[in-house]
Amino acid sequence: MFELYTGSGASLFITIVAVIIGFAAALGYVDFMKTKKEEKKD
């Protein structure tokens, strides 16, 4: 799939977007777990 875009810079763009989405998802997940733990304490 990515081979088609190589050279046009689109594969780099797709990779950057994927990393940003993954990072945002990871941050959201960590925040969700923190909230869960705090709720258990109370």
Protein backbone atom coordinates (compact mmCIF):
# COMPACT_ATOMS: atom_id res chain seq x y z
CA MET A 1 0.00 0.00 0.00
CA PHE A 2 2.65 2.53 1.05
CA GLU A 3 4.91 1.63 -1.90
CA LEU A 4 2.50 3.41 -4.25
CA TYR A 5 3.04 6.74 -2.48
CA THR A 6 6.83 6.50 -2.04
CA GLY A 7 8.57 9.47 -3.64
CA SER A 8 5.57 11.78 -3.55
CA GLY A 9 5.98 12.40 0.18
CA ALA A 10 2.50 11.07 0.90
CA SER A 11 3.85 8.04 2.73
CA LEU A 12 5.77 10.34 5.09
CA PHE A 13 2.62 12.41 5.61
CA ILE A 14 0.53 9.29 6.28
CA THR A 15 3.16 8.03 8.73
CA ILE A 16 3.23 11.35 10.61
CA VAL A 17 -0.58 11.46 10.78
CA ALA A 18 -0.67 7.84 12.01
CA VAL A 19 1.90 8.60 14.71
CA ILE A 20 -0.04 11.68 15.86
CA ILE A 21 -3.30 9.70 15.99
CA GLY A 22 -1.58 6.88 17.88
CA PHE A 23 -0.01 9.33 20.33
CA ALA A 24 -3.35 11.05 20.94
CA ALA A 25 -5.04 7.67 21.46
CA ALA A 26 -2.32 6.62 23.92
CA LEU A 27 -2.68 9.86 25.90
CA GLY A 28 -6.45 9.42 26.00
CA TYR A 29 -6.05 5.84 27.20
CA VAL A 30 -3.59 6.80 29.95
CA ASP A 31 -5.93 9.58 31.08
CA PHE A 32 -8.84 7.11 31.08
CA MET A 33 -6.86 4.65 33.25
CA LYS A 34 -5.89 7.42 35.70
CA THR A 35 -9.54 8.47 36.02
CA LYS A 36 -10.55 4.84 36.62
CA LYS A 37 -7.97 4.43 39.40
CA GLU A 38 -9.05 7.67 41.11
CA GLU A 39 -12.68 6.56 41.06
CA LYS A 40 -11.75 3.31 42.82
CA LYS A 41 -10.01 5.22 45.66
CA ASP A 42 -13.16 7.21 46.44
